[in-house]
N, C-alpha and C. Protein backbone atom coordinates (compact mmCIF):
# COMPACT_ATOMS: atom_id res chain seq x y z
N UNK A 1 98.30 65.15 126.06
CA UNK A 1 98.45 66.49 125.55
C UNK A 1 97.42 66.71 124.44
N UNK A 2 96.71 67.80 124.54
CA UNK A 2 95.69 68.14 123.56
C UNK A 2 96.32 69.05 122.50
N UNK A 3 96.10 68.68 121.25
CA UNK A 3 96.63 69.48 120.16
C UNK A 3 95.54 70.44 119.70
N UNK A 4 95.91 71.68 119.60
CA UNK A 4 94.98 72.70 119.16
C UNK A 4 94.65 72.48 117.68
N UNK A 5 93.38 72.38 117.36
CA UNK A 5 92.95 72.15 115.97
C UNK A 5 93.37 73.30 115.06
N UNK A 6 93.40 74.51 115.60
CA UNK A 6 93.82 75.66 114.79
C UNK A 6 95.28 75.52 114.36
N UNK A 7 96.11 75.01 115.26
CA UNK A 7 97.52 74.83 114.93
C UNK A 7 97.68 73.78 113.83
N UNK A 8 96.91 72.72 113.90
CA UNK A 8 96.94 71.70 112.86
C UNK A 8 96.47 72.27 111.51
N UNK A 9 95.44 73.09 111.56
CA UNK A 9 94.92 73.70 110.33
C UNK A 9 95.97 74.63 109.72
N UNK A 10 96.65 75.39 110.55
CA UNK A 10 97.72 76.28 110.07
C UNK A 10 98.84 75.45 109.45
N UNK A 11 99.21 74.38 110.12
CA UNK A 11 100.28 73.53 109.62
C UNK A 11 99.94 72.94 108.25
N UNK A 12 98.72 72.46 108.11
CA UNK A 12 98.28 71.90 106.82
C UNK A 12 98.27 72.96 105.73
N UNK A 13 97.82 74.15 106.08
CA UNK A 13 97.76 75.24 105.10
C UNK A 13 99.16 75.65 104.66
N UNK A 14 100.08 75.73 105.60
CA UNK A 14 101.47 76.09 105.27
C UNK A 14 102.11 74.99 104.43
N UNK A 15 101.84 73.74 104.77
CA UNK A 15 102.36 72.61 103.98
C UNK A 15 101.87 72.68 102.53
N UNK A 16 100.59 72.98 102.35
CA UNK A 16 100.03 73.08 101.01
C UNK A 16 100.69 74.22 100.23
N UNK A 17 100.88 75.36 100.88
CA UNK A 17 101.55 76.49 100.24
C UNK A 17 102.97 76.12 99.83
N UNK A 18 103.65 75.40 100.69
CA UNK A 18 105.01 74.95 100.40
C UNK A 18 105.05 74.01 99.20
N UNK A 19 104.12 73.07 99.17
CA UNK A 19 104.08 72.10 98.06
C UNK A 19 103.81 72.79 96.72
N UNK A 20 102.87 73.72 96.73
CA UNK A 20 102.55 74.43 95.49
C UNK A 20 103.75 75.28 95.05
N UNK A 21 104.41 75.92 95.99
CA UNK A 21 105.57 76.75 95.66
C UNK A 21 106.69 75.91 95.07
N UNK A 22 106.91 74.73 95.63
CA UNK A 22 107.94 73.83 95.10
C UNK A 22 107.59 73.37 93.70
N UNK A 23 106.33 73.07 93.46
CA UNK A 23 105.89 72.63 92.14
C UNK A 23 106.06 73.76 91.11
N UNK A 24 105.82 74.99 91.52
CA UNK A 24 106.05 76.13 90.63
C UNK A 24 107.53 76.20 90.26
N UNK A 25 108.39 75.99 91.23
CA UNK A 25 109.83 76.00 90.96
C UNK A 25 110.24 74.90 90.00
N UNK A 26 109.70 73.71 90.20
CA UNK A 26 110.02 72.59 89.29
C UNK A 26 109.52 72.87 87.88
N UNK A 27 108.33 73.42 87.78
CA UNK A 27 107.76 73.72 86.47
C UNK A 27 108.57 74.80 85.76
N UNK A 28 108.99 75.81 86.50
CA UNK A 28 109.82 76.86 85.92
C UNK A 28 111.13 76.28 85.41
N UNK A 29 111.71 75.37 86.17
CA UNK A 29 112.94 74.71 85.74
C UNK A 29 112.71 73.90 84.47
N UNK A 30 111.58 73.21 84.39
CA UNK A 30 111.26 72.44 83.18
C UNK A 30 111.13 73.36 81.97
N UNK A 31 110.48 74.50 82.17
CA UNK A 31 110.34 75.46 81.08
C UNK A 31 111.71 75.91 80.59
N UNK A 32 112.58 76.24 81.53
CA UNK A 32 113.93 76.68 81.16
C UNK A 32 114.69 75.58 80.40
N UNK A 33 114.53 74.35 80.82
CA UNK A 33 115.21 73.24 80.14
C UNK A 33 114.71 73.07 78.71
N UNK A 34 113.40 73.15 78.52
CA UNK A 34 112.85 73.00 77.18
C UNK A 34 113.25 74.19 76.30
N UNK A 35 113.27 75.39 76.88
CA UNK A 35 113.71 76.56 76.12
C UNK A 35 115.17 76.41 75.69
N UNK A 36 115.97 75.85 76.56
CA UNK A 36 117.37 75.61 76.21
C UNK A 36 117.48 74.58 75.08
N UNK A 37 116.70 73.51 75.17
CA UNK A 37 116.70 72.51 74.11
C UNK A 37 116.24 73.12 72.79
N UNK A 38 115.22 73.96 72.86
CA UNK A 38 114.71 74.63 71.67
C UNK A 38 115.79 75.52 71.06
N UNK A 39 116.49 76.26 71.89
CA UNK A 39 117.56 77.14 71.42
C UNK A 39 118.66 76.34 70.73
N UNK A 40 119.07 75.25 71.37
CA UNK A 40 120.13 74.41 70.78
C UNK A 40 119.68 73.79 69.47
N UNK A 41 118.43 73.38 69.40
CA UNK A 41 117.90 72.81 68.15
C UNK A 41 117.88 73.88 67.06
N UNK A 42 117.50 75.10 67.43
CA UNK A 42 117.47 76.19 66.46
C UNK A 42 118.86 76.48 65.92
N UNK A 43 119.86 76.42 66.79
CA UNK A 43 121.24 76.63 66.35
C UNK A 43 121.67 75.58 65.34
N UNK A 44 121.10 74.39 65.45
CA UNK A 44 121.43 73.30 64.53
C UNK A 44 120.53 73.33 63.28
N UNK A 45 119.68 74.33 63.20
CA UNK A 45 118.81 74.46 62.04
C UNK A 45 117.55 73.63 62.13
N UNK A 46 117.24 73.14 63.30
CA UNK A 46 116.04 72.30 63.49
C UNK A 46 114.90 73.20 63.99
N UNK A 47 113.83 73.21 63.25
CA UNK A 47 112.65 73.99 63.64
C UNK A 47 111.55 73.02 64.03
N UNK A 48 111.53 72.64 65.29
CA UNK A 48 110.57 71.65 65.79
C UNK A 48 109.51 72.35 66.64
N UNK A 49 108.27 72.40 66.18
CA UNK A 49 107.21 73.09 66.92
C UNK A 49 106.83 72.42 68.24
N UNK A 50 107.26 71.19 68.46
CA UNK A 50 106.91 70.53 69.72
C UNK A 50 107.56 71.20 70.92
N UNK A 51 108.70 71.84 70.71
CA UNK A 51 109.33 72.55 71.83
C UNK A 51 108.40 73.67 72.32
N UNK A 52 107.90 74.46 71.39
CA UNK A 52 107.03 75.56 71.77
C UNK A 52 105.74 75.04 72.38
N UNK A 53 105.23 73.93 71.86
CA UNK A 53 104.04 73.31 72.41
C UNK A 53 104.27 72.91 73.87
N UNK A 54 105.42 72.29 74.15
CA UNK A 54 105.76 71.91 75.53
C UNK A 54 105.87 73.14 76.42
N UNK A 55 106.53 74.17 75.92
CA UNK A 55 106.70 75.39 76.70
C UNK A 55 105.35 76.01 77.03
N UNK A 56 104.48 76.10 76.04
CA UNK A 56 103.15 76.67 76.26
C UNK A 56 102.35 75.87 77.28
N UNK A 57 102.40 74.54 77.18
CA UNK A 57 101.70 73.69 78.14
C UNK A 57 102.24 73.87 79.56
N UNK A 58 103.56 73.93 79.67
CA UNK A 58 104.17 74.12 80.99
C UNK A 58 103.83 75.49 81.56
N UNK A 59 103.78 76.49 80.72
CA UNK A 59 103.41 77.84 81.20
C UNK A 59 101.96 77.87 81.67
N UNK A 60 101.08 77.18 80.96
CA UNK A 60 99.68 77.09 81.40
C UNK A 60 99.58 76.38 82.75
N UNK A 61 100.35 75.32 82.87
CA UNK A 61 100.38 74.58 84.15
C UNK A 61 100.88 75.49 85.27
N UNK A 62 101.94 76.25 84.98
CA UNK A 62 102.48 77.16 86.00
C UNK A 62 101.47 78.25 86.34
N UNK A 63 100.72 78.74 85.37
CA UNK A 63 99.68 79.73 85.65
C UNK A 63 98.61 79.15 86.58
N UNK A 64 98.23 77.90 86.34
CA UNK A 64 97.27 77.23 87.23
C UNK A 64 97.85 77.10 88.64
N UNK A 65 99.13 76.78 88.70
CA UNK A 65 99.78 76.67 90.01
C UNK A 65 99.85 78.02 90.72
N UNK A 66 100.04 79.09 89.96
CA UNK A 66 100.05 80.42 90.57
C UNK A 66 98.70 80.74 91.21
N UNK A 67 97.63 80.30 90.55
CA UNK A 67 96.29 80.48 91.12
C UNK A 67 96.16 79.66 92.40
N UNK A 68 96.64 78.42 92.36
CA UNK A 68 96.61 77.56 93.55
C UNK A 68 97.44 78.17 94.68
N UNK A 69 98.57 78.77 94.32
CA UNK A 69 99.42 79.39 95.34
C UNK A 69 98.72 80.57 95.99
N UNK A 70 98.03 81.35 95.18
CA UNK A 70 97.28 82.48 95.72
C UNK A 70 96.20 82.01 96.69
N UNK A 71 95.50 80.95 96.31
CA UNK A 71 94.47 80.39 97.19
C UNK A 71 95.09 79.84 98.48
N UNK A 72 96.23 79.17 98.34
CA UNK A 72 96.90 78.60 99.52
C UNK A 72 97.39 79.70 100.45
N UNK A 73 97.90 80.77 99.87
CA UNK A 73 98.38 81.90 100.67
C UNK A 73 97.20 82.53 101.43
N UNK A 74 96.07 82.67 100.76
CA UNK A 74 94.87 83.21 101.41
C UNK A 74 94.42 82.28 102.53
N UNK A 75 94.49 80.98 102.30
CA UNK A 75 94.11 80.00 103.31
C UNK A 75 95.00 80.12 104.54
N UNK A 76 96.30 80.27 104.32
CA UNK A 76 97.24 80.44 105.45
C UNK A 76 96.87 81.69 106.23
N UNK A 77 96.63 82.77 105.52
CA UNK A 77 96.27 84.03 106.17
C UNK A 77 95.00 83.86 107.01
N UNK A 78 94.00 83.21 106.43
CA UNK A 78 92.74 83.01 107.15
C UNK A 78 92.91 82.13 108.37
N UNK A 79 93.74 81.10 108.26
CA UNK A 79 93.97 80.21 109.40
C UNK A 79 94.64 80.96 110.55
N UNK A 80 95.63 81.78 110.20
CA UNK A 80 96.29 82.58 111.24
C UNK A 80 95.32 83.60 111.84
N UNK A 81 94.53 84.21 110.98
CA UNK A 81 93.57 85.20 111.45
C UNK A 81 92.57 84.56 112.42
N UNK A 82 92.13 83.36 112.09
CA UNK A 82 91.20 82.65 112.96
C UNK A 82 91.87 82.29 114.28
N UNK A 83 93.11 81.87 114.21
CA UNK A 83 93.83 81.46 115.42
C UNK A 83 94.02 82.63 116.38
N UNK A 84 94.31 83.80 115.83
CA UNK A 84 94.59 84.96 116.68
C UNK A 84 93.36 85.79 117.00
N UNK A 85 92.19 85.39 116.52
CA UNK A 85 90.99 86.16 116.82
C UNK A 85 90.33 85.70 118.11
């Protein structure tokens, strides 16, 4: 059985989009966890700037992932477009 190269390319592109989307979800969850820790520390009177530093770094990472997701989505679109052309 011969496997169509276009189908493999589509599969790889969709897999990449899925992986990036999952990583965005994990990063968002990490941000929420650190924000919660920051809030609880603030309630205890602790003003620790490392919480905000972690949040800012995670947000930058998520922004980079959003760019990767956009590229992956475009790649999926192009692979499908090539397959159906």
